[in-house]
Amino acid sequence: MSIILSFSASASEAIPNRSQLVPPQIAQRSSGSEIEARVYEQLPDLPLENEYVSQETGEVNPNSTLIGRLIRYHIYVKGRPPQYRLDWKLTLADYLGKNELMFEGVYPGSEDLRDNPMMGDREAIRNLTRSQRNALVHTLVSLYNPQYLQLLEEAARTSEPTAEPTFENDPPRQIPQPPRPPQPGDADLLNP
């Protein structure tokens, strides 16, 4: 059995560019490297993972960091929008091996670093605690979507618990009883 796949779109149409993934107001405001720097400012405990050697210079490239590669993987490899929390959760699930497969050949840094950083990056994400991963997602979303914090505050205000209204004429609620066990002769009730 053989499977033949054909694609009608050209390669340039298949890979979305940054302008298709990132809203213009976000793309104009900050670049990936600016976002990366701000993530490390806000979360200084995150590992840099920037010890990989450049193929071009033969020296360690300190600018190739875990967060930079994570952002490039999220936006350019997976084509996920950066302003939504769920999309970042899916990306972290990729790194944890719980969502989609990751391929070394297309991973950011695979072409310009001597050693492919994918396995080290996956291990670094695995070593983060759940609260660190949640803080990372929260930080990335708030940087790519400035209204995110405002939306969270509004949601918190509107979801405050309120007392249920009580009505005097409402009948008392019936507590459901478990069904009675079968009795001798119950099967006879099924006869015509």
C-alpha atoms as a PDB file:
ATOM      1  CA  MET A   1       0.000   0.000   0.000  1.00  0.00           C
ATOM      2  CA  SER A   2       1.465   3.341  -0.945  1.00  0.00           C
ATOM      3  CA  ILE A   3       0.287   6.780  -0.061  1.00  0.00           C
ATOM      4  CA  ILE A   4       0.875   9.672  -2.382  1.00  0.00           C
ATOM      5  CA  LEU A   5       0.526  13.165  -1.064  1.00  0.00           C
ATOM      6  CA  SER A   6       0.293  16.120  -3.360  1.00  0.00           C
ATOM      7  CA  PHE A   7       0.185  19.742  -2.458  1.00  0.00           C
ATOM      8  CA  SER A   8      -1.312  22.362  -4.683  1.00  0.00           C
ATOM      9  CA  ALA A   9       0.241  25.285  -2.842  1.00  0.00           C
ATOM     10  CA  SER A  10       3.778  26.332  -3.578  1.00  0.00           C
ATOM     11  CA  ALA A  11       6.364  26.140  -0.813  1.00  0.00           C
ATOM     12  CA  SER A  12       6.255  29.891  -0.319  1.00  0.00           C
ATOM     13  CA  GLU A  13       2.490  29.752   0.254  1.00  0.00           C
ATOM     14  CA  ALA A  14       2.729  26.822   2.670  1.00  0.00           C
ATOM     15  CA  ILE A  15       4.981  28.602   5.157  1.00  0.00           C
ATOM     16  CA  PRO A  16       3.314  31.634   6.714  1.00  0.00           C
ATOM     17  CA  ASN A  17       5.442  34.701   7.210  1.00  0.00           C
ATOM     18  CA  ARG A  18       5.603  36.771  10.389  1.00  0.00           C
ATOM     19  CA  SER A  19       3.042  39.303   9.149  1.00  0.00           C
ATOM     20  CA  GLN A  20       0.456  36.541   8.732  1.00  0.00           C
ATOM     21  CA  LEU A  21       0.986  35.212  12.262  1.00  0.00           C
ATOM     22  CA  VAL A  22       1.564  38.307  14.344  1.00  0.00           C
ATOM     23  CA  PRO A  23      -0.916  41.192  14.262  1.00  0.00           C
ATOM     24  CA  PRO A  24       0.657  44.346  12.746  1.00  0.00           C
ATOM     25  CA  GLN A  25       0.405  46.362  15.971  1.00  0.00           C
ATOM     26  CA  ILE A  26       2.415  43.685  17.786  1.00  0.00           C
ATOM     27  CA  ALA A  27       4.939  43.130  14.976  1.00  0.00           C
ATOM     28  CA  GLN A  28       5.689  46.857  14.761  1.00  0.00           C
ATOM     29  CA  ARG A  29       6.014  47.276  18.507  1.00  0.00           C
ATOM     30  CA  SER A  30       8.536  44.560  19.320  1.00  0.00           C
ATOM     31  CA  SER A  31      10.756  41.992  17.690  1.00  0.00           C
ATOM     32  CA  GLY A  32      11.331  38.449  18.870  1.00  0.00           C
ATOM     33  CA  SER A  33      14.682  39.404  20.413  1.00  0.00           C
ATOM     34  CA  GLU A  34      13.047  42.244  22.375  1.00  0.00           C
ATOM     35  CA  ILE A  35      10.360  39.884  23.655  1.00  0.00           C
ATOM     36  CA  GLU A  36      13.041  37.318  24.498  1.00  0.00           C
ATOM     37  CA  ALA A  37      15.002  39.889  26.533  1.00  0.00           C
ATOM     38  CA  ARG A  38      11.871  40.990  28.385  1.00  0.00           C
ATOM     39  CA  VAL A  39      10.979  37.376  29.218  1.00  0.00           C
ATOM     40  CA  TYR A  40      14.405  36.880  30.781  1.00  0.00           C
ATOM     41  CA  GLU A  41      14.052  40.206  32.654  1.00  0.00           C
ATOM     42  CA  GLN A  42      10.701  39.165  34.110  1.00  0.00           C
ATOM     43  CA  LEU A  43      11.696  35.518  34.718  1.00  0.00           C
ATOM     44  CA  PRO A  44      15.423  35.586  35.575  1.00  0.00           C
ATOM     45  CA  ASP A  45      15.389  31.966  36.827  1.00  0.00           C
ATOM     46  CA  LEU A  46      14.732  30.587  33.340  1.00  0.00           C
ATOM     47  CA  PRO A  47      17.703  28.733  31.851  1.00  0.00           C
ATOM     48  CA  LEU A  48      19.480  30.509  28.991  1.00  0.00           C
ATOM     49  CA  GLU A  49      20.675  27.351  27.220  1.00  0.00           C
ATOM     50  CA  ASN A  50      22.988  29.582  25.167  1.00  0.00           C
ATOM     51  CA  GLU A  51      26.162  27.477  25.203  1.00  0.00           C
ATOM     52  CA  TYR A  52      25.817  26.187  21.630  1.00  0.00           C
ATOM     53  CA  VAL A  53      28.628  26.819  19.122  1.00  0.00           C
ATOM     54  CA  SER A  54      27.883  28.684  15.894  1.00  0.00           C
ATOM     55  CA  GLN A  55      28.754  26.839  12.667  1.00  0.00           C
ATOM     56  CA  GLU A  56      29.713  30.124  11.033  1.00  0.00           C
ATOM     57  CA  THR A  57      32.092  31.558  13.649  1.00  0.00           C
ATOM     58  CA  GLY A  58      33.112  28.445  15.596  1.00  0.00           C
ATOM     59  CA  GLU A  59      32.428  30.323  18.834  1.00  0.00           C
ATOM     60  CA  VAL A  60      29.664  30.053  21.396  1.00  0.00           C
ATOM     61  CA  ASN A  61      26.648  32.066  20.256  1.00  0.00           C
ATOM     62  CA  PRO A  62      25.313  33.729  23.433  1.00  0.00           C
ATOM     63  CA  ASN A  63      22.377  35.219  21.504  1.00  0.00           C
ATOM     64  CA  SER A  64      20.854  31.831  20.687  1.00  0.00           C
ATOM     65  CA  THR A  65      18.800  31.203  23.828  1.00  0.00           C
ATOM     66  CA  LEU A  66      16.128  28.750  24.875  1.00  0.00           C
ATOM     67  CA  ILE A  67      13.398  31.410  24.828  1.00  0.00           C
ATOM     68  CA  GLY A  68      14.502  32.748  21.437  1.00  0.00           C
ATOM     69  CA  ARG A  69      14.312  29.267  19.940  1.00  0.00           C
ATOM     70  CA  LEU A  70      11.003  28.602  21.727  1.00  0.00           C
ATOM     71  CA  ILE A  71       9.503  31.757  20.201  1.00  0.00           C
ATOM     72  CA  ARG A  72      10.812  30.917  16.704  1.00  0.00           C
ATOM     73  CA  TYR A  73       9.547  27.332  16.987  1.00  0.00           C
ATOM     74  CA  HIS A  74       6.123  28.572  18.118  1.00  0.00           C
ATOM     75  CA  ILE A  75       5.673  31.237  15.431  1.00  0.00           C
ATOM     76  CA  TYR A  76       7.638  30.010  12.412  1.00  0.00           C
ATOM     77  CA  VAL A  77       7.823  26.227  12.703  1.00  0.00           C
ATOM     78  CA  LYS A  78       4.350  25.550  14.118  1.00  0.00           C
ATOM     79  CA  GLY A  79       2.659  28.665  12.721  1.00  0.00           C
ATOM     80  CA  ARG A  80       0.884  29.407  15.990  1.00  0.00           C
ATOM     81  CA  PRO A  81      -0.186  32.937  16.881  1.00  0.00           C
ATOM     82  CA  PRO A  82       1.793  34.358  19.820  1.00  0.00           C
ATOM     83  CA  GLN A  83      -1.003  36.287  21.513  1.00  0.00           C
ATOM     84  CA  TYR A  84      -3.063  33.325  22.752  1.00  0.00           C
ATOM     85  CA  ARG A  85      -2.459  31.365  25.936  1.00  0.00           C
ATOM     86  CA  LEU A  86      -3.727  28.038  24.595  1.00  0.00           C
ATOM     87  CA  ASP A  87      -1.296  28.141  21.668  1.00  0.00           C
ATOM     88  CA  TRP A  88       1.661  28.592  24.041  1.00  0.00           C
ATOM     89  CA  LYS A  89       0.343  25.701  26.151  1.00  0.00           C
ATOM     90  CA  LEU A  90       0.291  23.541  23.012  1.00  0.00           C
ATOM     91  CA  THR A  91       3.868  24.523  22.229  1.00  0.00           C
ATOM     92  CA  LEU A  92       5.021  23.597  25.728  1.00  0.00           C
ATOM     93  CA  ALA A  93       3.129  20.317  25.359  1.00  0.00           C
ATOM     94  CA  ASP A  94       5.186  19.694  22.196  1.00  0.00           C
ATOM     95  CA  TYR A  95       8.370  20.184  24.225  1.00  0.00           C
ATOM     96  CA  LEU A  96       7.054  17.835  26.923  1.00  0.00           C
ATOM     97  CA  GLY A  97       6.264  15.163  24.325  1.00  0.00           C
ATOM     98  CA  LYS A  98       2.523  15.337  25.003  1.00  0.00           C
ATOM     99  CA  ASN A  99       1.196  16.982  21.852  1.00  0.00           C
ATOM    100  CA  GLU A 100       2.813  17.026  18.402  1.00  0.00           C
ATOM    101  CA  LEU A 101       6.108  15.474  17.342  1.00  0.00           C
ATOM    102  CA  MET A 102       9.095  17.777  17.054  1.00  0.00           C
ATOM    103  CA  PHE A 103      11.571  17.284  14.217  1.00  0.00           C
ATOM    104  CA  GLU A 104      15.257  18.120  14.565  1.00  0.00           C
ATOM    105  CA  GLY A 105      15.649  19.153  10.915  1.00  0.00           C
ATOM    106  CA  VAL A 106      13.304  22.129  11.241  1.00  0.00           C
ATOM    107  CA  TYR A 107      14.054  23.092  14.831  1.00  0.00           C
ATOM    108  CA  PRO A 108      15.438  26.640  15.263  1.00  0.00           C
ATOM    109  CA  GLY A 109      19.220  26.512  15.483  1.00  0.00           C
ATOM    110  CA  SER A 110      19.529  23.227  13.606  1.00  0.00           C
ATOM    111  CA  GLU A 111      21.106  24.952  10.594  1.00  0.00           C
ATOM    112  CA  ASP A 112      23.301  27.569  12.275  1.00  0.00           C
ATOM    113  CA  LEU A 113      24.569  25.735  15.388  1.00  0.00           C
ATOM    114  CA  ARG A 114      27.018  22.807  15.389  1.00  0.00           C
ATOM    115  CA  ASP A 115      24.856  20.713  17.704  1.00  0.00           C
ATOM    116  CA  ASN A 116      21.101  20.720  17.351  1.00  0.00           C
ATOM    117  CA  PRO A 117      19.713  22.302  20.542  1.00  0.00           C
ATOM    118  CA  MET A 118      16.308  20.582  20.386  1.00  0.00           C
ATOM    119  CA  MET A 119      16.977  17.783  22.874  1.00  0.00           C
ATOM    120  CA  GLY A 120      18.649  20.151  25.350  1.00  0.00           C
ATOM    121  CA  ASP A 121      15.779  22.623  25.020  1.00  0.00           C
ATOM    122  CA  ARG A 122      13.199  19.906  25.573  1.00  0.00           C
ATOM    123  CA  GLU A 123      15.066  18.776  28.684  1.00  0.00           C
ATOM    124  CA  ALA A 124      15.256  22.377  29.958  1.00  0.00           C
ATOM    125  CA  ILE A 125      11.476  22.789  29.532  1.00  0.00           C
ATOM    126  CA  ARG A 126      10.896  19.406  31.231  1.00  0.00           C
ATOM    127  CA  ASN A 127      12.989  20.558  34.190  1.00  0.00           C
ATOM    128  CA  LEU A 128      10.805  23.630  34.746  1.00  0.00           C
ATOM    129  CA  THR A 129       8.148  23.278  37.405  1.00  0.00           C
ATOM    130  CA  ARG A 130       4.512  23.622  36.447  1.00  0.00           C
ATOM    131  CA  SER A 131       4.372  27.064  38.063  1.00  0.00           C
ATOM    132  CA  GLN A 132       7.462  28.153  36.082  1.00  0.00           C
ATOM    133  CA  ARG A 133       5.872  26.938  32.842  1.00  0.00           C
ATOM    134  CA  ASN A 134       2.632  28.753  33.706  1.00  0.00           C
ATOM    135  CA  ALA A 135       4.601  31.926  34.486  1.00  0.00           C
ATOM    136  CA  LEU A 136       6.391  31.585  31.139  1.00  0.00           C
ATOM    137  CA  VAL A 137       3.088  31.265  29.258  1.00  0.00           C
ATOM    138  CA  HIS A 138       1.594  34.183  31.190  1.00  0.00           C
ATOM    139  CA  THR A 139       4.638  36.360  30.454  1.00  0.00           C
ATOM    140  CA  LEU A 140       4.737  35.518  26.741  1.00  0.00           C
ATOM    141  CA  VAL A 141       1.013  36.157  26.283  1.00  0.00           C
ATOM    142  CA  SER A 142       1.111  39.433  28.208  1.00  0.00           C
ATOM    143  CA  LEU A 143       4.066  40.639  26.094  1.00  0.00           C
ATOM    144  CA  TYR A 144       2.495  39.685  22.764  1.00  0.00           C
ATOM    145  CA  ASN A 145      -1.027  40.708  23.802  1.00  0.00           C
ATOM    146  CA  PRO A 146      -0.979  43.810  26.039  1.00  0.00           C
ATOM    147  CA  GLN A 147      -4.754  43.606  26.576  1.00  0.00           C
ATOM    148  CA  TYR A 148      -4.334  40.153  28.161  1.00  0.00           C
ATOM    149  CA  LEU A 149      -3.817  41.504  31.687  1.00  0.00           C
ATOM    150  CA  GLN A 150      -6.799  43.831  31.326  1.00  0.00           C
ATOM    151  CA  LEU A 151      -8.948  40.920  30.129  1.00  0.00           C
ATOM    152  CA  LEU A 152      -7.837  38.823  33.107  1.00  0.00           C
ATOM    153  CA  GLU A 153      -8.771  41.605  35.516  1.00  0.00           C
ATOM    154  CA  GLU A 154     -12.184  42.043  33.889  1.00  0.00           C
ATOM    155  CA  ALA A 155     -12.812  38.302  34.014  1.00  0.00           C
ATOM    156  CA  ALA A 156     -11.872  38.208  37.694  1.00  0.00           C
ATOM    157  CA  ARG A 157     -14.275  41.063  38.467  1.00  0.00           C
ATOM    158  CA  THR A 158     -17.186  39.508  36.607  1.00  0.00           C
ATOM    159  CA  SER A 159     -16.661  36.021  38.000  1.00  0.00           C
ATOM    160  CA  GLU A 160     -16.868  36.993  41.669  1.00  0.00           C
ATOM    161  CA  PRO A 161     -19.330  34.690  43.409  1.00  0.00           C
ATOM    162  CA  THR A 162     -22.768  36.119  44.023  1.00  0.00           C
ATOM    163  CA  ALA A 163     -25.457  34.802  46.307  1.00  0.00           C
ATOM    164  CA  GLU A 164     -28.105  32.700  44.601  1.00  0.00           C
ATOM    165  CA  PRO A 165     -31.521  34.339  44.655  1.00  0.00           C
ATOM    166  CA  THR A 166     -34.053  32.485  46.751  1.00  0.00           C
ATOM    167  CA  PHE A 167     -37.734  32.478  45.998  1.00  0.00           C
ATOM    168  CA  GLU A 168     -40.335  31.846  48.662  1.00  0.00           C
ATOM    169  CA  ASN A 169     -42.704  30.022  46.309  1.00  0.00           C
ATOM    170  CA  ASP A 170     -40.091  27.565  45.019  1.00  0.00           C
ATOM    171  CA  PRO A 171     -40.912  23.971  45.911  1.00  0.00           C
ATOM    172  CA  PRO A 172     -38.287  22.235  48.031  1.00  0.00           C
ATOM    173  CA  ARG A 173     -35.690  20.391  46.004  1.00  0.00           C
ATOM    174  CA  GLN A 174     -36.100  16.644  45.821  1.00  0.00           C
ATOM    175  CA  ILE A 175     -32.981  14.663  46.624  1.00  0.00           C
ATOM    176  CA  PRO A 176     -32.742  11.836  44.112  1.00  0.00           C
ATOM    177  CA  GLN A 177     -32.955   8.394  45.674  1.00  0.00           C
ATOM    178  CA  PRO A 178     -30.974   5.432  44.385  1.00  0.00           C
ATOM    179  CA  PRO A 179     -33.028   2.904  42.414  1.00  0.00           C
ATOM    180  CA  ARG A 180     -34.489   0.092  44.495  1.00  0.00           C
ATOM    181  CA  PRO A 181     -32.837  -3.316  44.184  1.00  0.00           C
ATOM    182  CA  PRO A 182     -34.630  -5.889  42.015  1.00  0.00           C
ATOM    183  CA  GLN A 183     -37.397  -7.827  43.754  1.00  0.00           C
ATOM    184  CA  PRO A 184     -38.684 -11.349  43.057  1.00  0.00           C
ATOM    185  CA  GLY A 185     -41.194 -11.197  40.221  1.00  0.00           C
ATOM    186  CA  ASP A 186     -39.874  -7.959  38.663  1.00  0.00           C
ATOM    187  CA  ALA A 187     -38.930  -9.832  35.484  1.00  0.00           C
ATOM    188  CA  ASP A 188     -42.603 -10.838  35.071  1.00  0.00           C
ATOM    189  CA  LEU A 189     -43.425  -7.179  34.528  1.00  0.00           C
ATOM    190  CA  LEU A 190     -41.638  -7.400  31.175  1.00  0.00           C
ATOM    191  CA  ASN A 191     -44.005 -10.088  29.837  1.00  0.00           C
ATOM    192  CA  PRO A 192     -46.721  -8.927  27.404  1.00  0.00           C
END
